[in-house]
Amino acid sequence: MTIHQISVFLENRAGQLAEITRTLADESIDLRAISIAETADYGVLRLIVDQPQKATSILLSHGFILSMTPVTVVAVPDAPGGLAPVLRLVADGGIDIEYMYSLFTHSEGRAYMVFRVSDDEKFTSLLHQSGIDPVSGEALGIQG
């Protein structure tokens, strides 16, 4: 089960992040997660929002370059070592983690981690075999 992440390519110049977040806020789009990675020349802003299709349309209409990427969200215990079993599962399965970050949301002693992995199908299968269900977009208040 995957969720759509929006990756926005940004020039490294002051104000770009503020512009994007203000644009989304003006359209009542709620951020669920935000991550930014940078190089010397550009940045990649990764967003999970409650209305990904609407956000994509708005950002494109404002001239931003973006892509939609499938990611998997996993709930882990919000306690020391809570993430370790999932990472061990990934390592034992020979799956590469391209990147990961956390959602803003915490619920009932659980933290939510976003994974972009080399083999999402294998990752999901290993999770299910271990009794771990990926979190659905619906559970996070994300519209299809």
N, C-alpha and C. Protein backbone atom coordinates (compact mmCIF):
# COMPACT_ATOMS: atom_id res chain seq x y z
N MET A 1 0.85 -1.16 0.00
CA MET A 1 0.00 0.00 0.00
C MET A 1 0.91 1.24 0.00
N THR A 2 0.72 2.06 -0.98
CA THR A 2 1.57 3.24 -1.08
C THR A 2 0.75 4.52 -0.97
N ILE A 3 1.44 5.57 -0.66
CA ILE A 3 0.87 6.91 -0.56
C ILE A 3 1.63 7.77 -1.56
N HIS A 4 0.97 8.77 -2.11
CA HIS A 4 1.64 9.65 -3.06
C HIS A 4 2.37 10.78 -2.34
N GLN A 5 3.64 10.87 -2.62
CA GLN A 5 4.48 11.95 -2.13
C GLN A 5 4.72 12.90 -3.29
N ILE A 6 4.74 14.18 -3.02
CA ILE A 6 5.04 15.18 -4.04
C ILE A 6 6.50 15.61 -3.84
N SER A 7 7.29 15.49 -4.89
CA SER A 7 8.68 15.95 -4.86
C SER A 7 8.76 17.20 -5.73
N VAL A 8 9.15 18.32 -5.12
CA VAL A 8 9.25 19.59 -5.82
C VAL A 8 10.72 19.95 -5.94
N PHE A 9 11.14 20.29 -7.16
CA PHE A 9 12.54 20.65 -7.41
C PHE A 9 12.67 22.16 -7.28
N LEU A 10 13.59 22.58 -6.42
CA LEU A 10 13.72 23.98 -6.08
C LEU A 10 15.12 24.51 -6.40
N GLU A 11 15.17 25.75 -6.85
CA GLU A 11 16.44 26.44 -6.93
C GLU A 11 16.85 26.79 -5.51
N ASN A 12 18.15 26.83 -5.27
CA ASN A 12 18.62 27.25 -3.95
C ASN A 12 18.61 28.77 -3.89
N ARG A 13 17.43 29.31 -3.54
CA ARG A 13 17.31 30.75 -3.36
C ARG A 13 16.32 31.01 -2.23
N ALA A 14 16.55 32.09 -1.54
CA ALA A 14 15.74 32.43 -0.37
C ALA A 14 14.27 32.60 -0.75
N GLY A 15 13.39 32.09 0.08
CA GLY A 15 11.97 32.32 -0.07
C GLY A 15 11.18 31.24 -0.79
N GLN A 16 11.86 30.31 -1.45
CA GLN A 16 11.12 29.28 -2.20
C GLN A 16 10.25 28.43 -1.29
N LEU A 17 10.79 27.99 -0.18
CA LEU A 17 10.04 27.14 0.73
C LEU A 17 8.85 27.90 1.32
N ALA A 18 9.07 29.15 1.68
CA ALA A 18 7.98 29.98 2.20
C ALA A 18 6.88 30.16 1.16
N GLU A 19 7.28 30.34 -0.10
CA GLU A 19 6.30 30.52 -1.17
C GLU A 19 5.43 29.27 -1.35
N ILE A 20 6.06 28.12 -1.34
CA ILE A 20 5.31 26.87 -1.51
C ILE A 20 4.36 26.63 -0.35
N THR A 21 4.85 26.76 0.86
CA THR A 21 3.98 26.49 2.01
C THR A 21 2.85 27.51 2.10
N ARG A 22 3.09 28.75 1.76
CA ARG A 22 2.03 29.77 1.76
C ARG A 22 1.00 29.46 0.67
N THR A 23 1.47 29.08 -0.51
CA THR A 23 0.57 28.74 -1.61
C THR A 23 -0.36 27.60 -1.22
N LEU A 24 0.19 26.57 -0.60
CA LEU A 24 -0.63 25.43 -0.18
C LEU A 24 -1.59 25.84 0.94
N ALA A 25 -1.11 26.62 1.89
CA ALA A 25 -1.96 27.07 2.99
C ALA A 25 -3.13 27.91 2.47
N ASP A 26 -2.86 28.77 1.49
CA ASP A 26 -3.92 29.61 0.92
C ASP A 26 -5.03 28.78 0.27
N GLU A 27 -4.69 27.55 -0.12
CA GLU A 27 -5.66 26.65 -0.75
C GLU A 27 -6.17 25.59 0.22
N SER A 28 -5.92 25.80 1.52
CA SER A 28 -6.38 24.90 2.59
C SER A 28 -5.85 23.48 2.45
N ILE A 29 -4.62 23.36 2.00
CA ILE A 29 -3.97 22.05 1.91
C ILE A 29 -3.10 21.88 3.14
N ASP A 30 -3.32 20.77 3.83
CA ASP A 30 -2.64 20.51 5.09
C ASP A 30 -1.42 19.61 4.87
N LEU A 31 -0.28 20.02 5.41
CA LEU A 31 0.93 19.22 5.33
C LEU A 31 0.88 18.09 6.35
N ARG A 32 1.22 16.88 5.91
CA ARG A 32 1.34 15.74 6.81
C ARG A 32 2.81 15.46 7.11
N ALA A 33 3.68 15.77 6.12
CA ALA A 33 5.12 15.58 6.29
C ALA A 33 5.84 16.50 5.31
N ILE A 34 7.04 16.90 5.69
CA ILE A 34 7.86 17.73 4.82
C ILE A 34 9.32 17.36 5.07
N SER A 35 10.06 17.24 4.00
CA SER A 35 11.48 16.92 4.08
C SER A 35 12.17 17.65 2.94
N ILE A 36 13.37 18.13 3.19
CA ILE A 36 14.10 18.80 2.12
C ILE A 36 15.53 18.26 2.10
N ALA A 37 15.98 17.99 0.89
CA ALA A 37 17.36 17.55 0.66
C ALA A 37 17.96 18.54 -0.32
N GLU A 38 19.23 18.80 -0.19
CA GLU A 38 19.82 19.80 -1.06
C GLU A 38 21.15 19.36 -1.62
N THR A 39 21.49 19.99 -2.73
CA THR A 39 22.82 19.92 -3.30
C THR A 39 23.26 21.38 -3.43
N ALA A 40 24.40 21.60 -4.02
CA ALA A 40 24.88 22.97 -4.17
C ALA A 40 23.98 23.79 -5.09
N ASP A 41 23.33 23.13 -6.05
CA ASP A 41 22.58 23.84 -7.08
C ASP A 41 21.07 23.84 -6.91
N TYR A 42 20.52 22.84 -6.25
CA TYR A 42 19.07 22.75 -6.13
C TYR A 42 18.70 21.95 -4.89
N GLY A 43 17.42 21.99 -4.58
CA GLY A 43 16.88 21.21 -3.48
C GLY A 43 15.71 20.38 -3.95
N VAL A 44 15.43 19.33 -3.21
CA VAL A 44 14.25 18.51 -3.47
C VAL A 44 13.40 18.56 -2.21
N LEU A 45 12.23 19.14 -2.36
CA LEU A 45 11.27 19.24 -1.27
C LEU A 45 10.30 18.08 -1.40
N ARG A 46 10.21 17.27 -0.37
CA ARG A 46 9.28 16.14 -0.38
C ARG A 46 8.13 16.46 0.56
N LEU A 47 6.93 16.33 0.03
CA LEU A 47 5.72 16.67 0.78
C LEU A 47 4.74 15.51 0.77
N ILE A 48 4.11 15.29 1.88
CA ILE A 48 2.90 14.48 1.93
C ILE A 48 1.82 15.40 2.45
N VAL A 49 0.74 15.50 1.70
CA VAL A 49 -0.34 16.44 2.02
C VAL A 49 -1.66 15.70 2.04
N ASP A 50 -2.68 16.36 2.59
CA ASP A 50 -3.99 15.72 2.70
C ASP A 50 -4.73 15.65 1.36
N GLN A 51 -4.35 16.50 0.40
CA GLN A 51 -5.00 16.52 -0.91
C GLN A 51 -3.93 16.54 -2.01
N PRO A 52 -3.30 15.40 -2.27
CA PRO A 52 -2.16 15.40 -3.20
C PRO A 52 -2.50 15.82 -4.63
N GLN A 53 -3.65 15.44 -5.15
CA GLN A 53 -3.99 15.82 -6.53
C GLN A 53 -4.19 17.33 -6.64
N LYS A 54 -4.91 17.90 -5.69
CA LYS A 54 -5.14 19.35 -5.69
C LYS A 54 -3.81 20.09 -5.52
N ALA A 55 -2.98 19.64 -4.60
CA ALA A 55 -1.69 20.29 -4.36
C ALA A 55 -0.81 20.25 -5.61
N THR A 56 -0.80 19.12 -6.29
CA THR A 56 -0.01 18.99 -7.51
C THR A 56 -0.48 19.99 -8.56
N SER A 57 -1.78 20.07 -8.76
CA SER A 57 -2.33 21.01 -9.75
C SER A 57 -1.96 22.45 -9.40
N ILE A 58 -2.08 22.80 -8.14
CA ILE A 58 -1.78 24.17 -7.71
C ILE A 58 -0.31 24.49 -7.91
N LEU A 59 0.54 23.59 -7.48
CA LEU A 59 1.99 23.85 -7.62
C LEU A 59 2.41 23.92 -9.08
N LEU A 60 1.85 23.06 -9.91
CA LEU A 60 2.16 23.12 -11.34
C LEU A 60 1.70 24.45 -11.94
N SER A 61 0.52 24.90 -11.53
CA SER A 61 0.00 26.17 -12.05
C SER A 61 0.84 27.36 -11.61
N HIS A 62 1.60 27.21 -10.54
CA HIS A 62 2.51 28.26 -10.08
C HIS A 62 3.92 28.09 -10.66
N GLY A 63 4.07 27.17 -11.59
CA GLY A 63 5.34 27.02 -12.29
C GLY A 63 6.38 26.14 -11.63
N PHE A 64 6.00 25.40 -10.60
CA PHE A 64 6.97 24.52 -9.96
C PHE A 64 7.14 23.23 -10.75
N ILE A 65 8.33 22.69 -10.73
CA ILE A 65 8.63 21.41 -11.37
C ILE A 65 8.52 20.35 -10.28
N LEU A 66 7.72 19.32 -10.54
CA LEU A 66 7.50 18.32 -9.51
C LEU A 66 7.24 16.95 -10.10
N SER A 67 7.24 15.97 -9.24
CA SER A 67 6.85 14.62 -9.62
C SER A 67 6.10 14.00 -8.44
N MET A 68 5.32 12.97 -8.75
CA MET A 68 4.63 12.20 -7.72
C MET A 68 5.40 10.89 -7.56
N THR A 69 5.63 10.50 -6.31
CA THR A 69 6.41 9.31 -6.02
C THR A 69 5.64 8.45 -5.03
N PRO A 70 5.56 7.14 -5.29
CA PRO A 70 4.93 6.29 -4.29
C PRO A 70 5.88 6.03 -3.12
N VAL A 71 5.37 6.13 -1.91
CA VAL A 71 6.13 5.83 -0.70
C VAL A 71 5.26 4.95 0.20
N THR A 72 5.91 4.29 1.14
CA THR A 72 5.20 3.43 2.08
C THR A 72 5.34 4.03 3.48
N VAL A 73 4.25 4.09 4.21
CA VAL A 73 4.25 4.60 5.58
C VAL A 73 4.05 3.42 6.52
N VAL A 74 4.90 3.38 7.55
CA VAL A 74 4.84 2.31 8.53
C VAL A 74 4.73 2.93 9.92
N ALA A 75 3.81 2.39 10.72
CA ALA A 75 3.68 2.82 12.12
C ALA A 75 4.64 1.99 12.96
N VAL A 76 5.40 2.65 13.79
CA VAL A 76 6.34 1.97 14.69
C VAL A 76 6.08 2.46 16.11
N PRO A 77 6.43 1.66 17.11
CA PRO A 77 6.26 2.14 18.48
C PRO A 77 7.05 3.43 18.70
N ASP A 78 6.41 4.40 19.33
CA ASP A 78 7.06 5.67 19.63
C ASP A 78 7.79 5.52 20.96
N ALA A 79 8.88 4.74 20.90
CA ALA A 79 9.67 4.41 22.08
C ALA A 79 11.09 4.10 21.62
N PRO A 80 12.05 4.16 22.52
CA PRO A 80 13.42 3.81 22.12
C PRO A 80 13.46 2.43 21.46
N GLY A 81 14.07 2.36 20.29
CA GLY A 81 14.20 1.10 19.57
C GLY A 81 12.99 0.73 18.74
N GLY A 82 11.97 1.56 18.69
CA GLY A 82 10.74 1.23 17.97
C GLY A 82 10.93 1.03 16.47
N LEU A 83 11.88 1.72 15.90
CA LEU A 83 12.14 1.62 14.46
C LEU A 83 13.04 0.44 14.11
N ALA A 84 13.82 -0.03 15.07
CA ALA A 84 14.83 -1.06 14.81
C ALA A 84 14.31 -2.33 14.14
N PRO A 85 13.17 -2.90 14.57
CA PRO A 85 12.71 -4.13 13.92
C PRO A 85 12.39 -3.95 12.43
N VAL A 86 11.84 -2.79 12.07
CA VAL A 86 11.54 -2.55 10.65
C VAL A 86 12.84 -2.42 9.86
N LEU A 87 13.81 -1.72 10.42
CA LEU A 87 15.09 -1.57 9.72
C LEU A 87 15.82 -2.90 9.61
N ARG A 88 15.70 -3.76 10.62
CA ARG A 88 16.30 -5.10 10.56
C ARG A 88 15.63 -5.91 9.46
N LEU A 89 14.32 -5.80 9.35
CA LEU A 89 13.57 -6.49 8.31
C LEU A 89 14.04 -6.05 6.92
N VAL A 90 14.23 -4.76 6.75
CA VAL A 90 14.71 -4.21 5.47
C VAL A 90 16.11 -4.75 5.17
N ALA A 91 16.98 -4.71 6.16
CA ALA A 91 18.36 -5.18 5.97
C ALA A 91 18.39 -6.67 5.64
N ASP A 92 17.66 -7.47 6.41
CA ASP A 92 17.63 -8.92 6.18
C ASP A 92 17.03 -9.26 4.83
N GLY A 93 16.12 -8.41 4.35
CA GLY A 93 15.49 -8.64 3.04
C GLY A 93 16.32 -8.14 1.88
N GLY A 94 17.45 -7.51 2.16
CA GLY A 94 18.32 -7.01 1.10
C GLY A 94 17.71 -5.84 0.34
N ILE A 95 16.89 -5.06 1.02
CA ILE A 95 16.23 -3.93 0.38
C ILE A 95 17.01 -2.65 0.73
N ASP A 96 17.27 -1.84 -0.27
CA ASP A 96 17.94 -0.56 -0.04
C ASP A 96 16.93 0.51 0.30
N ILE A 97 17.24 1.30 1.31
CA ILE A 97 16.42 2.46 1.64
C ILE A 97 17.00 3.64 0.87
N GLU A 98 16.21 4.20 -0.03
CA GLU A 98 16.65 5.37 -0.78
C GLU A 98 16.61 6.59 0.11
N TYR A 99 15.55 6.71 0.91
CA TYR A 99 15.44 7.74 1.94
C TYR A 99 14.27 7.42 2.83
N MET A 100 14.24 8.07 3.98
CA MET A 100 13.11 7.93 4.90
C MET A 100 13.03 9.20 5.75
N TYR A 101 11.85 9.45 6.26
CA TYR A 101 11.62 10.59 7.15
C TYR A 101 10.33 10.31 7.90
N SER A 102 10.02 11.16 8.87
CA SER A 102 8.83 10.91 9.68
C SER A 102 7.70 11.86 9.33
N LEU A 103 6.49 11.42 9.63
CA LEU A 103 5.31 12.26 9.50
C LEU A 103 5.18 13.11 10.75
N PHE A 104 4.42 14.19 10.66
CA PHE A 104 4.13 15.02 11.82
C PHE A 104 3.28 14.25 12.82
N THR A 105 2.44 13.36 12.34
CA THR A 105 1.43 12.68 13.14
C THR A 105 2.01 11.60 14.04
N HIS A 106 1.54 11.57 15.27
CA HIS A 106 1.80 10.49 16.21
C HIS A 106 0.43 10.09 16.75
N SER A 107 0.23 8.80 16.99
CA SER A 107 -1.07 8.36 17.46
C SER A 107 -0.93 7.12 18.33
N GLU A 108 -1.58 7.16 19.47
CA GLU A 108 -1.66 6.00 20.36
C GLU A 108 -0.30 5.33 20.56
N GLY A 109 0.72 6.14 20.86
CA GLY A 109 2.04 5.58 21.13
C GLY A 109 2.78 5.09 19.90
N ARG A 110 2.35 5.53 18.71
CA ARG A 110 2.98 5.10 17.47
C ARG A 110 3.48 6.32 16.71
N ALA A 111 4.63 6.17 16.11
CA ALA A 111 5.19 7.18 15.22
C ALA A 111 5.06 6.63 13.80
N TYR A 112 5.01 7.52 12.82
CA TYR A 112 4.84 7.10 11.43
C TYR A 112 6.08 7.45 10.63
N MET A 113 6.64 6.46 9.97
CA MET A 113 7.84 6.64 9.17
C MET A 113 7.50 6.44 7.69
N VAL A 114 8.04 7.32 6.86
CA VAL A 114 7.86 7.26 5.41
C VAL A 114 9.10 6.62 4.82
N PHE A 115 8.90 5.60 3.99
CA PHE A 115 10.01 4.89 3.35
C PHE A 115 9.91 4.96 1.84
N ARG A 116 11.00 5.27 1.21
CA ARG A 116 11.17 5.09 -0.24
C ARG A 116 12.27 4.04 -0.35
N VAL A 117 11.91 2.88 -0.89
CA VAL A 117 12.84 1.75 -0.93
C VAL A 117 13.04 1.28 -2.37
N SER A 118 14.06 0.47 -2.56
CA SER A 118 14.40 -0.02 -3.89
C SER A 118 13.38 -1.01 -4.43
N ASP A 119 12.68 -1.72 -3.56
CA ASP A 119 11.71 -2.72 -4.00
C ASP A 119 10.49 -2.65 -3.08
N ASP A 120 9.54 -1.80 -3.46
CA ASP A 120 8.38 -1.57 -2.61
C ASP A 120 7.53 -2.82 -2.45
N GLU A 121 7.38 -3.60 -3.50
CA GLU A 121 6.58 -4.82 -3.44
C GLU A 121 7.17 -5.81 -2.44
N LYS A 122 8.48 -6.00 -2.50
CA LYS A 122 9.15 -6.91 -1.56
C LYS A 122 9.05 -6.37 -0.13
N PHE A 123 9.24 -5.07 0.03
CA PHE A 123 9.15 -4.43 1.34
C PHE A 123 7.76 -4.67 1.94
N THR A 124 6.73 -4.40 1.16
CA THR A 124 5.36 -4.59 1.64
C THR A 124 5.10 -6.05 2.00
N SER A 125 5.60 -6.96 1.17
CA SER A 125 5.43 -8.38 1.45
C SER A 125 6.12 -8.78 2.76
N LEU A 126 7.34 -8.30 2.97
CA LEU A 126 8.06 -8.60 4.20
C LEU A 126 7.35 -8.02 5.42
N LEU A 127 6.81 -6.83 5.27
CA LEU A 127 6.05 -6.23 6.37
C LEU A 127 4.86 -7.11 6.73
N HIS A 128 4.10 -7.51 5.72
CA HIS A 128 2.92 -8.35 5.97
C HIS A 128 3.32 -9.67 6.63
N GLN A 129 4.39 -10.29 6.14
CA GLN A 129 4.85 -11.56 6.71
C GLN A 129 5.24 -11.42 8.18
N SER A 130 5.65 -10.23 8.55
CA SER A 130 6.05 -9.96 9.93
C SER A 130 4.91 -9.41 10.78
N GLY A 131 3.71 -9.37 10.21
CA GLY A 131 2.56 -8.88 10.95
C GLY A 131 2.47 -7.37 11.05
N ILE A 132 3.17 -6.67 10.15
CA ILE A 132 3.15 -5.21 10.14
C ILE A 132 2.40 -4.76 8.90
N ASP A 133 1.37 -3.99 9.09
CA ASP A 133 0.60 -3.49 7.95
C ASP A 133 1.02 -2.06 7.64
N PRO A 134 1.33 -1.76 6.37
CA PRO A 134 1.59 -0.36 6.01
C PRO A 134 0.35 0.48 6.33
N VAL A 135 0.57 1.73 6.62
CA VAL A 135 -0.52 2.63 6.97
C VAL A 135 -1.17 3.15 5.69
N SER A 136 -2.47 3.17 5.65
CA SER A 136 -3.18 3.65 4.47
C SER A 136 -3.26 5.16 4.47
N GLY A 137 -3.41 5.73 3.30
CA GLY A 137 -3.61 7.16 3.19
C GLY A 137 -4.87 7.60 3.92
N GLU A 138 -5.89 6.78 3.83
CA GLU A 138 -7.16 7.09 4.50
C GLU A 138 -6.97 7.23 6.02
N ALA A 139 -6.15 6.35 6.59
CA ALA A 139 -5.89 6.40 8.04
C ALA A 139 -5.16 7.68 8.44
N LEU A 140 -4.47 8.29 7.47
CA LEU A 140 -3.73 9.52 7.73
C LEU A 140 -4.48 10.77 7.29
N GLY A 141 -5.72 10.58 6.83
CA GLY A 141 -6.52 11.71 6.37
C GLY A 141 -6.09 12.24 5.01
N ILE A 142 -5.56 11.35 4.19
CA ILE A 142 -5.11 11.74 2.84
C ILE A 142 -6.14 11.28 1.84
N GLN A 143 -6.58 12.20 1.01
CA GLN A 143 -7.57 11.88 -0.02
C GLN A 143 -6.88 11.21 -1.20
N GLY A 144 -7.60 10.28 -1.83
CA GLY A 144 -7.09 9.54 -2.98
C GLY A 144 -6.60 10.37 -4.04
